Amino acid sequence: MCLAIPGKILSLADDATHSAMIEVVGVRRRVDVSLVAPEGIGPGDWVLIHVGFALSKIREEDAIEQLRMLSALGETQAAMEEVRGYSHDEVDPPPGERAFP
């Protein structure tokens, strides 16, 4: 399934990689934010991500609603698996540190 998933920016890279650490349903991965950087982004902002790229900046309320909808549709696990495939250089947080139930 192809879908864009809301993720919260935790931190921006200090180098020229145009990447950010993003958290989606407790899974943390580094994604490319070069497409949304001109909009002005920073820690705490929410973006829609797909195949490792942040596509657009969204409101927190919209992000939370989309995450609830994914959960209601039983797609939370699929979203987590997709995000896990974005990057191999980061580790997931320990159980119990997930941002959403």
PDB file of N, CA and C in Angstrom:
ATOM      1  N   MET A   1       0.838  -1.175   0.000  1.00  0.00           N
ATOM      2  CA  MET A   1       0.000   0.000   0.000  1.00  0.00           C
ATOM      3  C   MET A   1       0.884   1.239   0.000  1.00  0.00           C
ATOM      4  N   CYS A   2       0.573   2.200  -0.819  1.00  0.00           N
ATOM      5  CA  CYS A   2       1.309   3.456  -0.857  1.00  0.00           C
ATOM      6  C   CYS A   2       0.520   4.503  -0.091  1.00  0.00           C
ATOM      7  N   LEU A   3       1.140   5.055   0.931  1.00  0.00           N
ATOM      8  CA  LEU A   3       0.464   6.092   1.674  1.00  0.00           C
ATOM      9  C   LEU A   3       1.480   7.041   2.264  1.00  0.00           C
ATOM     10  N   ALA A   4       1.069   8.259   2.464  1.00  0.00           N
ATOM     11  CA  ALA A   4       1.896   9.236   3.159  1.00  0.00           C
ATOM     12  C   ALA A   4       1.488   9.189   4.623  1.00  0.00           C
ATOM     13  N   ILE A   5       2.479   9.168   5.482  1.00  0.00           N
ATOM     14  CA  ILE A   5       2.252   8.978   6.909  1.00  0.00           C
ATOM     15  C   ILE A   5       2.715  10.218   7.661  1.00  0.00           C
ATOM     16  N   PRO A   6       1.916  10.711   8.623  1.00  0.00           N
ATOM     17  CA  PRO A   6       2.347  11.865   9.400  1.00  0.00           C
ATOM     18  C   PRO A   6       3.492  11.488  10.332  1.00  0.00           C
ATOM     19  N   GLY A   7       4.477  12.356  10.403  1.00  0.00           N
ATOM     20  CA  GLY A   7       5.592  12.164  11.316  1.00  0.00           C
ATOM     21  C   GLY A   7       5.959  13.481  11.971  1.00  0.00           C
ATOM     22  N   LYS A   8       6.420  13.392  13.204  1.00  0.00           N
ATOM     23  CA  LYS A   8       6.815  14.582  13.959  1.00  0.00           C
ATOM     24  C   LYS A   8       8.327  14.747  13.887  1.00  0.00           C
ATOM     25  N   ILE A   9       8.769  15.947  13.545  1.00  0.00           N
ATOM     26  CA  ILE A   9      10.199  16.232  13.474  1.00  0.00           C
ATOM     27  C   ILE A   9      10.747  16.327  14.890  1.00  0.00           C
ATOM     28  N   LEU A  10      11.756  15.508  15.171  1.00  0.00           N
ATOM     29  CA  LEU A  10      12.420  15.547  16.474  1.00  0.00           C
ATOM     30  C   LEU A  10      13.640  16.462  16.434  1.00  0.00           C
ATOM     31  N   SER A  11      14.402  16.385  15.341  1.00  0.00           N
ATOM     32  CA  SER A  11      15.587  17.227  15.214  1.00  0.00           C
ATOM     33  C   SER A  11      15.990  17.306  13.744  1.00  0.00           C
ATOM     34  N   LEU A  12      16.671  18.394  13.413  1.00  0.00           N
ATOM     35  CA  LEU A  12      17.203  18.572  12.066  1.00  0.00           C
ATOM     36  C   LEU A  12      18.689  18.229  12.088  1.00  0.00           C
ATOM     37  N   ALA A  13      19.189  17.678  11.000  1.00  0.00           N
ATOM     38  CA  ALA A  13      20.608  17.351  10.903  1.00  0.00           C
ATOM     39  C   ALA A  13      21.427  18.638  10.896  1.00  0.00           C
ATOM     40  N   ASP A  14      22.607  18.572  11.488  1.00  0.00           N
ATOM     41  CA  ASP A  14      23.490  19.729  11.533  1.00  0.00           C
ATOM     42  C   ASP A  14      24.376  19.830  10.298  1.00  0.00           C
ATOM     43  N   ASP A  15      24.221  18.914   9.373  1.00  0.00           N
ATOM     44  CA  ASP A  15      25.074  18.894   8.188  1.00  0.00           C
ATOM     45  C   ASP A  15      24.262  19.266   6.946  1.00  0.00           C
ATOM     46  N   ALA A  16      24.843  19.073   5.793  1.00  0.00           N
ATOM     47  CA  ALA A  16      24.195  19.464   4.537  1.00  0.00           C
ATOM     48  C   ALA A  16      23.360  18.343   3.922  1.00  0.00           C
ATOM     49  N   THR A  17      22.926  17.371   4.713  1.00  0.00           N
ATOM     50  CA  THR A  17      22.178  16.242   4.156  1.00  0.00           C
ATOM     51  C   THR A  17      20.703  16.539   3.939  1.00  0.00           C
ATOM     52  N   HIS A  18      20.208  17.655   4.449  1.00  0.00           N
ATOM     53  CA  HIS A  18      18.784  17.996   4.346  1.00  0.00           C
ATOM     54  C   HIS A  18      17.936  16.880   4.940  1.00  0.00           C
ATOM     55  N   SER A  19      18.330  16.405   6.103  1.00  0.00           N
ATOM     56  CA  SER A  19      17.578  15.329   6.736  1.00  0.00           C
ATOM     57  C   SER A  19      17.148  15.738   8.132  1.00  0.00           C
ATOM     58  N   ALA A  20      16.198  14.986   8.646  1.00  0.00           N
ATOM     59  CA  ALA A  20      15.689  15.221   9.989  1.00  0.00           C
ATOM     60  C   ALA A  20      15.351  13.876  10.619  1.00  0.00           C
ATOM     61  N   MET A  21      15.444  13.826  11.935  1.00  0.00           N
ATOM     62  CA  MET A  21      14.981  12.654  12.666  1.00  0.00           C
ATOM     63  C   MET A  21      13.487  12.855  12.877  1.00  0.00           C
ATOM     64  N   ILE A  22      12.703  11.887  12.434  1.00  0.00           N
ATOM     65  CA  ILE A  22      11.245  11.970  12.504  1.00  0.00           C
ATOM     66  C   ILE A  22      10.723  10.764  13.264  1.00  0.00           C
ATOM     67  N   GLU A  23       9.655  10.968  14.025  1.00  0.00           N
ATOM     68  CA  GLU A  23       9.029   9.870  14.751  1.00  0.00           C
ATOM     69  C   GLU A  23       7.619   9.650  14.231  1.00  0.00           C
ATOM     70  N   VAL A  24       7.335   8.392  13.938  1.00  0.00           N
ATOM     71  CA  VAL A  24       6.003   7.982  13.495  1.00  0.00           C
ATOM     72  C   VAL A  24       5.597   6.785  14.337  1.00  0.00           C
ATOM     73  N   VAL A  25       4.555   6.933  15.117  1.00  0.00           N
ATOM     74  CA  VAL A  25       4.008   5.852  15.938  1.00  0.00           C
ATOM     75  C   VAL A  25       5.132   5.156  16.712  1.00  0.00           C
ATOM     76  N   GLY A  26       6.044   5.942  17.262  1.00  0.00           N
ATOM     77  CA  GLY A  26       7.114   5.391  18.075  1.00  0.00           C
ATOM     78  C   GLY A  26       8.335   4.918  17.322  1.00  0.00           C
ATOM     79  N   VAL A  27       8.303   4.917  16.004  1.00  0.00           N
ATOM     80  CA  VAL A  27       9.444   4.505  15.199  1.00  0.00           C
ATOM     81  C   VAL A  27      10.182   5.763  14.757  1.00  0.00           C
ATOM     82  N   ARG A  28      11.481   5.783  15.008  1.00  0.00           N
ATOM     83  CA  ARG A  28      12.293   6.952  14.649  1.00  0.00           C
ATOM     84  C   ARG A  28      13.187   6.618  13.467  1.00  0.00           C
ATOM     85  N   ARG A  29      13.172   7.516  12.494  1.00  0.00           N
ATOM     86  CA  ARG A  29      13.994   7.332  11.308  1.00  0.00           C
ATOM     87  C   ARG A  29      14.441   8.686  10.779  1.00  0.00           C
ATOM     88  N   ARG A  30      15.549   8.675  10.070  1.00  0.00           N
ATOM     89  CA  ARG A  30      16.034   9.875   9.402  1.00  0.00           C
ATOM     90  C   ARG A  30      15.405   9.922   8.016  1.00  0.00           C
ATOM     91  N   VAL A  31      14.805  11.062   7.674  1.00  0.00           N
ATOM     92  CA  VAL A  31      14.177  11.222   6.363  1.00  0.00           C
ATOM     93  C   VAL A  31      14.676  12.511   5.706  1.00  0.00           C
ATOM     94  N   ASP A  32      14.555  12.575   4.416  1.00  0.00           N
ATOM     95  CA  ASP A  32      14.959  13.740   3.640  1.00  0.00           C
ATOM     96  C   ASP A  32      13.872  14.815   3.758  1.00  0.00           C
ATOM     97  N   VAL A  33      14.264  16.024   4.139  1.00  0.00           N
ATOM     98  CA  VAL A  33      13.297  17.121   4.298  1.00  0.00           C
ATOM     99  C   VAL A  33      13.552  18.256   3.315  1.00  0.00           C
ATOM    100  N   SER A  34      14.318  17.987   2.272  1.00  0.00           N
ATOM    101  CA  SER A  34      14.657  19.059   1.329  1.00  0.00           C
ATOM    102  C   SER A  34      13.436  19.637   0.621  1.00  0.00           C
ATOM    103  N   LEU A  35      12.370  18.849   0.463  1.00  0.00           N
ATOM    104  CA  LEU A  35      11.169  19.354  -0.211  1.00  0.00           C
ATOM    105  C   LEU A  35      10.362  20.314   0.654  1.00  0.00           C
ATOM    106  N   VAL A  36      10.485  20.207   1.965  1.00  0.00           N
ATOM    107  CA  VAL A  36       9.705  21.076   2.863  1.00  0.00           C
ATOM    108  C   VAL A  36      10.558  22.122   3.569  1.00  0.00           C
ATOM    109  N   ALA A  37      11.872  22.029   3.434  1.00  0.00           N
ATOM    110  CA  ALA A  37      12.765  22.985   4.098  1.00  0.00           C
ATOM    111  C   ALA A  37      12.456  24.440   3.734  1.00  0.00           C
ATOM    112  N   PRO A  38      12.116  24.737   2.464  1.00  0.00           N
ATOM    113  CA  PRO A  38      11.808  26.135   2.128  1.00  0.00           C
ATOM    114  C   PRO A  38      10.611  26.697   2.901  1.00  0.00           C
ATOM    115  N   GLU A  39       9.719  25.828   3.380  1.00  0.00           N
ATOM    116  CA  GLU A  39       8.553  26.287   4.147  1.00  0.00           C
ATOM    117  C   GLU A  39       8.936  26.725   5.551  1.00  0.00           C
ATOM    118  N   GLY A  40      10.137  26.360   5.982  1.00  0.00           N
ATOM    119  CA  GLY A  40      10.558  26.646   7.344  1.00  0.00           C
ATOM    120  C   GLY A  40      10.052  25.564   8.277  1.00  0.00           C
ATOM    121  N   ILE A  41      10.909  24.649   8.631  1.00  0.00           N
ATOM    122  CA  ILE A  41      10.532  23.546   9.509  1.00  0.00           C
ATOM    123  C   ILE A  41      11.497  23.469  10.679  1.00  0.00           C
ATOM    124  N   GLY A  42      11.032  22.816  11.729  1.00  0.00           N
ATOM    125  CA  GLY A  42      11.877  22.645  12.898  1.00  0.00           C
ATOM    126  C   GLY A  42      11.309  21.587  13.823  1.00  0.00           C
ATOM    127  N   PRO A  43      12.022  21.294  14.894  1.00  0.00           N
ATOM    128  CA  PRO A  43      11.542  20.307  15.852  1.00  0.00           C
ATOM    129  C   PRO A  43      10.138  20.660  16.339  1.00  0.00           C
ATOM    130  N   GLY A  44       9.291  19.637  16.398  1.00  0.00           N
ATOM    131  CA  GLY A  44       7.908  19.829  16.818  1.00  0.00           C
ATOM    132  C   GLY A  44       6.934  19.959  15.667  1.00  0.00           C
ATOM    133  N   ASP A  45       7.446  20.268  14.474  1.00  0.00           N
ATOM    134  CA  ASP A  45       6.577  20.362  13.300  1.00  0.00           C
ATOM    135  C   ASP A  45       6.199  18.964  12.823  1.00  0.00           C
ATOM    136  N   TRP A  46       5.070  18.884  12.145  1.00  0.00           N
ATOM    137  CA  TRP A  46       4.574  17.628  11.574  1.00  0.00           C
ATOM    138  C   TRP A  46       4.660  17.694  10.057  1.00  0.00           C
ATOM    139  N   VAL A  47       5.035  16.581   9.449  1.00  0.00           N
ATOM    140  CA  VAL A  47       5.128  16.491   7.997  1.00  0.00           C
ATOM    141  C   VAL A  47       4.525  15.170   7.538  1.00  0.00           C
ATOM    142  N   LEU A  48       4.066  15.139   6.295  1.00  0.00           N
ATOM    143  CA  LEU A  48       3.638  13.888   5.668  1.00  0.00           C
ATOM    144  C   LEU A  48       4.852  13.293   4.984  1.00  0.00           C
ATOM    145  N   ILE A  49       5.130  12.023   5.266  1.00  0.00           N
ATOM    146  CA  ILE A  49       6.296  11.392   4.678  1.00  0.00           C
ATOM    147  C   ILE A  49       5.900  10.169   3.850  1.00  0.00           C
ATOM    148  N   HIS A  50       6.690   9.949   2.808  1.00  0.00           N
ATOM    149  CA  HIS A  50       6.471   8.806   1.925  1.00  0.00           C
ATOM    150  C   HIS A  50       7.824   8.386   1.372  1.00  0.00           C
ATOM    151  N   VAL A  51       8.108   7.117   1.439  1.00  0.00           N
ATOM    152  CA  VAL A  51       9.359   6.504   0.984  1.00  0.00           C
ATOM    153  C   VAL A  51      10.597   7.307   1.378  1.00  0.00           C
ATOM    154  N   GLY A  52      10.606   7.792   2.607  1.00  0.00           N
ATOM    155  CA  GLY A  52      11.782   8.466   3.132  1.00  0.00           C
ATOM    156  C   GLY A  52      11.900   9.941   2.837  1.00  0.00           C
ATOM    157  N   PHE A  53      10.850  10.551   2.262  1.00  0.00           N
ATOM    158  CA  PHE A  53      10.863  11.974   1.949  1.00  0.00           C
ATOM    159  C   PHE A  53       9.683  12.670   2.628  1.00  0.00           C
ATOM    160  N   ALA A  54       9.941  13.808   3.252  1.00  0.00           N
ATOM    161  CA  ALA A  54       8.864  14.645   3.773  1.00  0.00           C
ATOM    162  C   ALA A  54       8.277  15.397   2.583  1.00  0.00           C
ATOM    163  N   LEU A  55       6.979  15.213   2.350  1.00  0.00           N
ATOM    164  CA  LEU A  55       6.335  15.800   1.173  1.00  0.00           C
ATOM    165  C   LEU A  55       5.688  17.154   1.439  1.00  0.00           C
ATOM    166  N   SER A  56       5.139  17.316   2.649  1.00  0.00           N
ATOM    167  CA  SER A  56       4.495  18.580   2.983  1.00  0.00           C
ATOM    168  C   SER A  56       4.388  18.726   4.491  1.00  0.00           C
ATOM    169  N   LYS A  57       4.322  19.959   4.917  1.00  0.00           N
ATOM    170  CA  LYS A  57       4.138  20.282   6.325  1.00  0.00           C
ATOM    171  C   LYS A  57       2.632  20.290   6.604  1.00  0.00           C
ATOM    172  N   ILE A  58       2.227  19.735   7.750  1.00  0.00           N
ATOM    173  CA  ILE A  58       0.804  19.697   8.092  1.00  0.00           C
ATOM    174  C   ILE A  58       0.607  20.161   9.533  1.00  0.00           C
ATOM    175  N   ARG A  59      -0.625  20.483   9.845  1.00  0.00           N
ATOM    176  CA  ARG A  59      -0.965  20.897  11.214  1.00  0.00           C
ATOM    177  C   ARG A  59      -0.959  19.691  12.141  1.00  0.00           C
ATOM    178  N   GLU A  60      -0.622  19.900  13.390  1.00  0.00           N
ATOM    179  CA  GLU A  60      -0.598  18.817  14.371  1.00  0.00           C
ATOM    180  C   GLU A  60      -1.961  18.143  14.490  1.00  0.00           C
ATOM    181  N   GLU A  61      -3.032  18.928  14.476  1.00  0.00           N
ATOM    182  CA  GLU A  61      -4.376  18.362  14.586  1.00  0.00           C
ATOM    183  C   GLU A  61      -4.663  17.399  13.447  1.00  0.00           C
ATOM    184  N   ASP A  62      -4.257  17.774  12.240  1.00  0.00           N
ATOM    185  CA  ASP A  62      -4.468  16.906  11.082  1.00  0.00           C
ATOM    186  C   ASP A  62      -3.624  15.639  11.183  1.00  0.00           C
ATOM    187  N   ALA A  63      -2.401  15.781  11.667  1.00  0.00           N
ATOM    188  CA  ALA A  63      -1.522  14.616  11.824  1.00  0.00           C
ATOM    189  C   ALA A  63      -2.115  13.621  12.817  1.00  0.00           C
ATOM    190  N   ILE A  64      -2.574  14.118  13.946  1.00  0.00           N
ATOM    191  CA  ILE A  64      -3.145  13.242  14.965  1.00  0.00           C
ATOM    192  C   ILE A  64      -4.404  12.566  14.446  1.00  0.00           C
ATOM    193  N   GLU A  65      -5.231  13.298  13.720  1.00  0.00           N
ATOM    194  CA  GLU A  65      -6.445  12.703  13.150  1.00  0.00           C
ATOM    195  C   GLU A  65      -6.090  11.606  12.143  1.00  0.00           C
ATOM    196  N   GLN A  66      -5.093  11.837  11.318  1.00  0.00           N
ATOM    197  CA  GLN A  66      -4.689  10.817  10.349  1.00  0.00           C
ATOM    198  C   GLN A  66      -4.128   9.583  11.050  1.00  0.00           C
ATOM    199  N   LEU A  67      -3.364   9.786  12.124  1.00  0.00           N
ATOM    200  CA  LEU A  67      -2.844   8.646  12.882  1.00  0.00           C
ATOM    201  C   LEU A  67      -3.980   7.857  13.543  1.00  0.00           C
ATOM    202  N   ARG A  68      -4.984   8.570  14.042  1.00  0.00           N
ATOM    203  CA  ARG A  68      -6.159   7.888  14.615  1.00  0.00           C
ATOM    204  C   ARG A  68      -6.892   7.080  13.553  1.00  0.00           C
ATOM    205  N   MET A  69      -6.998   7.657  12.364  1.00  0.00           N
ATOM    206  CA  MET A  69      -7.671   6.956  11.276  1.00  0.00           C
ATOM    207  C   MET A  69      -6.895   5.695  10.886  1.00  0.00           C
ATOM    208  N   LEU A  70      -5.579   5.789  10.805  1.00  0.00           N
ATOM    209  CA  LEU A  70      -4.762   4.613  10.511  1.00  0.00           C
ATOM    210  C   LEU A  70      -4.997   3.529  11.552  1.00  0.00           C
ATOM    211  N   SER A  71      -5.068   3.941  12.801  1.00  0.00           N
ATOM    212  CA  SER A  71      -5.301   2.991  13.894  1.00  0.00           C
ATOM    213  C   SER A  71      -6.682   2.355  13.766  1.00  0.00           C
ATOM    214  N   ALA A  72      -7.695   3.179  13.498  1.00  0.00           N
ATOM    215  CA  ALA A  72      -9.061   2.660  13.369  1.00  0.00           C
ATOM    216  C   ALA A  72      -9.189   1.692  12.202  1.00  0.00           C
ATOM    217  N   LEU A  73      -8.415   1.919  11.149  1.00  0.00           N
ATOM    218  CA  LEU A  73      -8.455   1.041   9.979  1.00  0.00           C
ATOM    219  C   LEU A  73      -7.556  -0.177  10.133  1.00  0.00           C
ATOM    220  N   GLY A  74      -6.860  -0.252  11.264  1.00  0.00           N
ATOM    221  CA  GLY A  74      -5.963  -1.375  11.495  1.00  0.00           C
ATOM    222  C   GLY A  74      -4.679  -1.288  10.687  1.00  0.00           C
ATOM    223  N   GLU A  75      -4.300  -0.090  10.299  1.00  0.00           N
ATOM    224  CA  GLU A  75      -3.118   0.101   9.448  1.00  0.00           C
ATOM    225  C   GLU A  75      -1.892   0.593  10.218  1.00  0.00           C
ATOM    226  N   THR A  76      -1.965   0.662  11.548  1.00  0.00           N
ATOM    227  CA  THR A  76      -0.828   1.152  12.317  1.00  0.00           C
ATOM    228  C   THR A  76       0.404   0.299  12.093  1.00  0.00           C
ATOM    229  N   GLN A  77       0.247  -1.011  12.105  1.00  0.00           N
ATOM    230  CA  GLN A  77       1.390  -1.903  11.905  1.00  0.00           C
ATOM    231  C   GLN A  77       1.986  -1.703  10.505  1.00  0.00           C
ATOM    232  N   ALA A  78       1.147  -1.561   9.505  1.00  0.00           N
ATOM    233  CA  ALA A  78       1.641  -1.338   8.144  1.00  0.00           C
ATOM    234  C   ALA A  78       2.414  -0.024   8.065  1.00  0.00           C
ATOM    235  N   ALA A  79       1.925   1.012   8.750  1.00  0.00           N
ATOM    236  CA  ALA A  79       2.629   2.297   8.768  1.00  0.00           C
ATOM    237  C   ALA A  79       3.990   2.148   9.439  1.00  0.00           C
ATOM    238  N   MET A  80       4.035   1.416  10.543  1.00  0.00           N
ATOM    239  CA  MET A  80       5.300   1.210  11.239  1.00  0.00           C
ATOM    240  C   MET A  80       6.294   0.458  10.359  1.00  0.00           C
ATOM    241  N   GLU A  81       5.819  -0.550   9.656  1.00  0.00           N
ATOM    242  CA  GLU A  81       6.704  -1.321   8.779  1.00  0.00           C
ATOM    243  C   GLU A  81       7.238  -0.460   7.643  1.00  0.00           C
ATOM    244  N   GLU A  82       6.381   0.403   7.101  1.00  0.00           N
ATOM    245  CA  GLU A  82       6.842   1.278   6.026  1.00  0.00           C
ATOM    246  C   GLU A  82       7.914   2.222   6.535  1.00  0.00           C
ATOM    247  N   VAL A  83       7.705   2.813   7.695  1.00  0.00           N
ATOM    248  CA  VAL A  83       8.676   3.743   8.253  1.00  0.00           C
ATOM    249  C   VAL A  83       9.979   3.025   8.588  1.00  0.00           C
ATOM    250  N   ARG A  84       9.896   1.818   9.091  1.00  0.00           N
ATOM    251  CA  ARG A  84      11.117   1.071   9.407  1.00  0.00           C
ATOM    252  C   ARG A  84      11.980   0.862   8.167  1.00  0.00           C
ATOM    253  N   GLY A  85      11.378   0.836   7.004  1.00  0.00           N
ATOM    254  CA  GLY A  85      12.131   0.635   5.776  1.00  0.00           C
ATOM    255  C   GLY A  85      12.827   1.878   5.262  1.00  0.00           C
ATOM    256  N   TYR A  86      12.581   3.043   5.851  1.00  0.00           N
ATOM    257  CA  TYR A  86      13.154   4.290   5.366  1.00  0.00           C
ATOM    258  C   TYR A  86      14.656   4.381   5.561  1.00  0.00           C
ATOM    259  N   SER A  87      15.152   3.879   6.661  1.00  0.00           N
ATOM    260  CA  SER A  87      16.560   4.064   6.986  1.00  0.00           C
ATOM    261  C   SER A  87      17.050   2.895   7.815  1.00  0.00           C
ATOM    262  N   HIS A  88      18.297   2.551   7.642  1.00  0.00           N
ATOM    263  CA  HIS A  88      18.855   1.431   8.388  1.00  0.00           C
ATOM    264  C   HIS A  88      19.868   1.885   9.426  1.00  0.00           C
ATOM    265  N   ASP A  89      20.061   3.194   9.565  1.00  0.00           N
ATOM    266  CA  ASP A  89      21.089   3.669  10.471  1.00  0.00           C
ATOM    267  C   ASP A  89      20.559   4.164  11.806  1.00  0.00           C
ATOM    268  N   GLU A  90      19.287   4.029  12.057  1.00  0.00           N
ATOM    269  CA  GLU A  90      18.704   4.487  13.311  1.00  0.00           C
ATOM    270  C   GLU A  90      18.044   3.320  14.031  1.00  0.00           C
ATOM    271  N   VAL A  91      17.878   3.460  15.331  1.00  0.00           N
ATOM    272  CA  VAL A  91      17.247   2.404  16.108  1.00  0.00           C
ATOM    273  C   VAL A  91      15.916   2.899  16.653  1.00  0.00           C
ATOM    274  N   ASP A  92      15.022   1.973  16.867  1.00  0.00           N
ATOM    275  CA  ASP A  92      13.725   2.306  17.431  1.00  0.00           C
ATOM    276  C   ASP A  92      13.876   2.549  18.924  1.00  0.00           C
ATOM    277  N   PRO A  93      13.005   3.378  19.505  1.00  0.00           N
ATOM    278  CA  PRO A  93      13.067   3.594  20.947  1.00  0.00           C
ATOM    279  C   PRO A  93      12.622   2.335  21.683  1.00  0.00           C
ATOM    280  N   PRO A  94      12.994   2.221  22.950  1.00  0.00           N
ATOM    281  CA  PRO A  94      12.553   1.059  23.730  1.00  0.00           C
ATOM    282  C   PRO A  94      11.040   1.007  23.824  1.00  0.00           C
ATOM    283  N   PRO A  95      10.466  -0.193  24.016  1.00  0.00           N
ATOM    284  CA  PRO A  95       9.010  -0.299  24.187  1.00  0.00           C
ATOM    285  C   PRO A  95       8.547   0.613  25.313  1.00  0.00           C
ATOM    286  N   GLY A  96       7.387   1.179  25.150  1.00  0.00           N
ATOM    287  CA  GLY A  96       6.841   2.081  26.163  1.00  0.00           C
ATOM    288  C   GLY A  96       7.132   3.530  25.882  1.00  0.00           C
ATOM    289  N   GLU A  97       7.973   3.839  24.898  1.00  0.00           N
ATOM    290  CA  GLU A  97       8.281   5.222  24.552  1.00  0.00           C
ATOM    291  C   GLU A  97       7.602   5.653  23.276  1.00  0.00           C
ATOM    292  N   ARG A  98       6.527   5.004  22.904  1.00  0.00           N
ATOM    293  CA  ARG A  98       5.828   5.331  21.670  1.00  0.00           C
ATOM    294  C   ARG A  98       5.009   6.606  21.852  1.00  0.00           C
ATOM    295  N   ALA A  99       4.956   7.404  20.797  1.00  0.00           N
ATOM    296  CA  ALA A  99       4.249   8.675  20.866  1.00  0.00           C
ATOM    297  C   ALA A  99       2.738   8.508  20.852  1.00  0.00           C
ATOM    298  N   PHE A 100       2.247   7.439  20.236  1.00  0.00           N
ATOM    299  CA  PHE A 100       0.806   7.212  20.111  1.00  0.00           C
ATOM    300  C   PHE A 100       0.500   5.773  20.468  1.00  0.00           C
ATOM    301  N   PRO A 101      -0.679   5.522  21.036  1.00  0.00           N
ATOM    302  CA  PRO A 101      -1.057   4.148  21.375  1.00  0.00           C
ATOM    303  C   PRO A 101      -1.333   3.317  20.149  1.00  0.00           C
TER     304      PRO A 101
END
